[in-house]
Amino acid sequence: MDNTSDGNSWFKFKVGDMVQEKYMIIPPDRTCWTGIVVYITRDHYRFVYDVDDKTLEDMVGICWMQTGEVEELPGTVIKLLHRPEKNKK
């Protein structure tokens, strides 16, 4: 699996990841939102309708910093900004 989310439909997000909307879903009257992944439902949604494609996408719950609201989006319409590193002990 690719280690970046930009351009890779099947990237696996993790709770705690900092993400942004991809340009395709940003309304023309506002700027891009940034949020934190708060939950993930794995293999829940099919966003790409290819007859030969049997892959399901993750549905990602994102708490937007701009509003404080949680929104569910398919993983293909968000991109990873930052993944917190595990604490080294």
Protein backbone atom coordinates (compact mmCIF):
# COMPACT_ATOMS: atom_id res chain seq x y z
CA MET A 1 0.00 0.00 0.00
CA ASP A 2 1.14 3.51 -0.78
CA ASN A 3 2.07 5.53 2.30
CA THR A 4 0.37 8.72 1.09
CA SER A 5 -3.31 9.42 0.62
CA ASP A 6 -3.06 11.86 -2.26
CA GLY A 7 -3.98 10.00 -5.43
CA ASN A 8 -4.44 6.65 -3.70
CA SER A 9 -8.10 5.69 -3.28
CA TRP A 10 -7.38 2.83 -0.88
CA PHE A 11 -5.20 4.54 1.70
CA LYS A 12 -5.97 3.34 5.26
CA PHE A 13 -6.54 6.24 7.62
CA LYS A 14 -6.13 5.86 11.39
CA VAL A 15 -7.92 7.49 14.30
CA GLY A 16 -5.94 10.62 15.21
CA ASP A 17 -4.82 11.41 11.65
CA MET A 18 -5.04 15.07 10.64
CA VAL A 19 -6.80 15.34 7.28
CA GLN A 20 -8.13 17.86 4.75
CA GLU A 21 -10.86 17.71 2.16
CA LYS A 22 -9.78 17.11 -1.41
CA TYR A 23 -10.59 19.93 -3.84
CA MET A 24 -13.46 18.01 -5.48
CA ILE A 25 -15.80 18.41 -2.48
CA ILE A 26 -15.00 21.95 -1.33
CA PRO A 27 -17.90 24.33 -2.03
CA PRO A 28 -16.85 27.39 -4.06
CA ASP A 29 -17.86 29.79 -1.28
CA ARG A 30 -15.40 28.54 1.37
CA THR A 31 -11.84 27.38 1.93
CA CYS A 32 -10.58 23.85 2.59
CA TRP A 33 -11.37 22.43 6.04
CA THR A 34 -8.93 20.57 8.27
CA GLY A 35 -9.97 17.94 10.80
CA ILE A 36 -9.04 14.97 12.96
CA VAL A 37 -10.17 11.40 12.25
CA VAL A 38 -12.32 10.33 15.22
CA TYR A 39 -13.62 6.97 13.95
CA ILE A 40 -13.47 4.69 10.93
CA THR A 41 -15.90 2.12 9.58
CA ARG A 42 -13.75 -0.22 7.49
CA ASP A 43 -14.94 -1.56 4.11
CA HIS A 44 -18.25 0.27 4.36
CA TYR A 45 -18.76 2.32 1.20
CA ARG A 46 -18.31 2.03 -2.57
CA PHE A 47 -17.59 5.48 -4.04
CA VAL A 48 -16.02 4.34 -7.32
CA TYR A 49 -18.51 2.44 -9.46
CA ASP A 50 -16.35 0.29 -11.68
CA VAL A 51 -18.03 -2.93 -12.80
CA ASP A 52 -14.86 -4.94 -12.14
CA ASP A 53 -14.03 -3.23 -8.85
CA LYS A 54 -15.01 -5.28 -5.81
CA THR A 55 -13.17 -3.06 -3.30
CA LEU A 56 -15.11 -1.28 -0.57
CA GLU A 57 -13.84 1.96 0.93
CA ASP A 58 -13.62 3.06 4.52
CA MET A 59 -16.11 5.60 5.84
CA VAL A 60 -14.16 8.11 7.92
CA GLY A 61 -15.62 10.25 10.73
CA ILE A 62 -13.89 13.62 10.83
CA CYS A 63 -14.19 16.32 13.49
CA TRP A 64 -13.69 19.57 11.57
CA MET A 65 -11.60 22.19 13.38
CA GLN A 66 -13.53 25.01 11.72
CA THR A 67 -16.94 23.94 13.08
CA GLY A 68 -16.38 21.28 15.75
CA GLU A 69 -18.90 19.07 13.94
CA VAL A 70 -18.28 15.45 13.00
CA GLU A 71 -18.94 14.47 9.38
CA GLU A 72 -18.68 11.06 7.69
CA LEU A 73 -16.88 10.97 4.35
CA PRO A 74 -15.46 8.23 2.12
CA GLY A 75 -11.70 7.95 2.40
CA THR A 76 -11.20 8.90 -1.25
CA VAL A 77 -12.38 12.50 -0.74
CA ILE A 78 -9.92 13.36 2.05
CA LYS A 79 -6.13 13.52 2.19
CA LEU A 80 -3.66 12.94 5.00
CA LEU A 81 -1.85 16.00 6.36
CA HIS A 82 -0.20 14.45 9.40
CA ARG A 83 -0.11 11.15 11.23
CA PRO A 84 0.96 11.34 14.89
CA GLU A 85 4.02 9.25 15.63
CA LYS A 86 3.89 6.67 18.38
CA ASN A 87 5.71 7.67 21.55
CA LYS A 88 9.08 5.98 21.74
CA LYS A 89 9.89 4.56 25.18
